[in-house]
């Protein structure tokens, strides 16, 4: 048999595996400045107050979304200066 066409059988899928445990842990972007501007955005990490308050109960995807939005807010602030 030609080695190029020999395929290993697929390993059985573990239906009990919890894929959520395999998600990457995202650290808090807090910079220990913790001061809100007039719009309710932290001037240190660029998160909104509700994002800061809910950080502990967010999953990795939600935390990633918050970090991306905070980064965009930081960039927008730099454009306004």
Foldseek 3Di string as FASTA:
>chain_A
DDPVPDDDDDDDDDPPDDCLVVDDDDDDQDPPPPDADPVQAGPGQRAHPVCVVCVVVDGPVVRVVRNVVSVVSVVVVVVVD
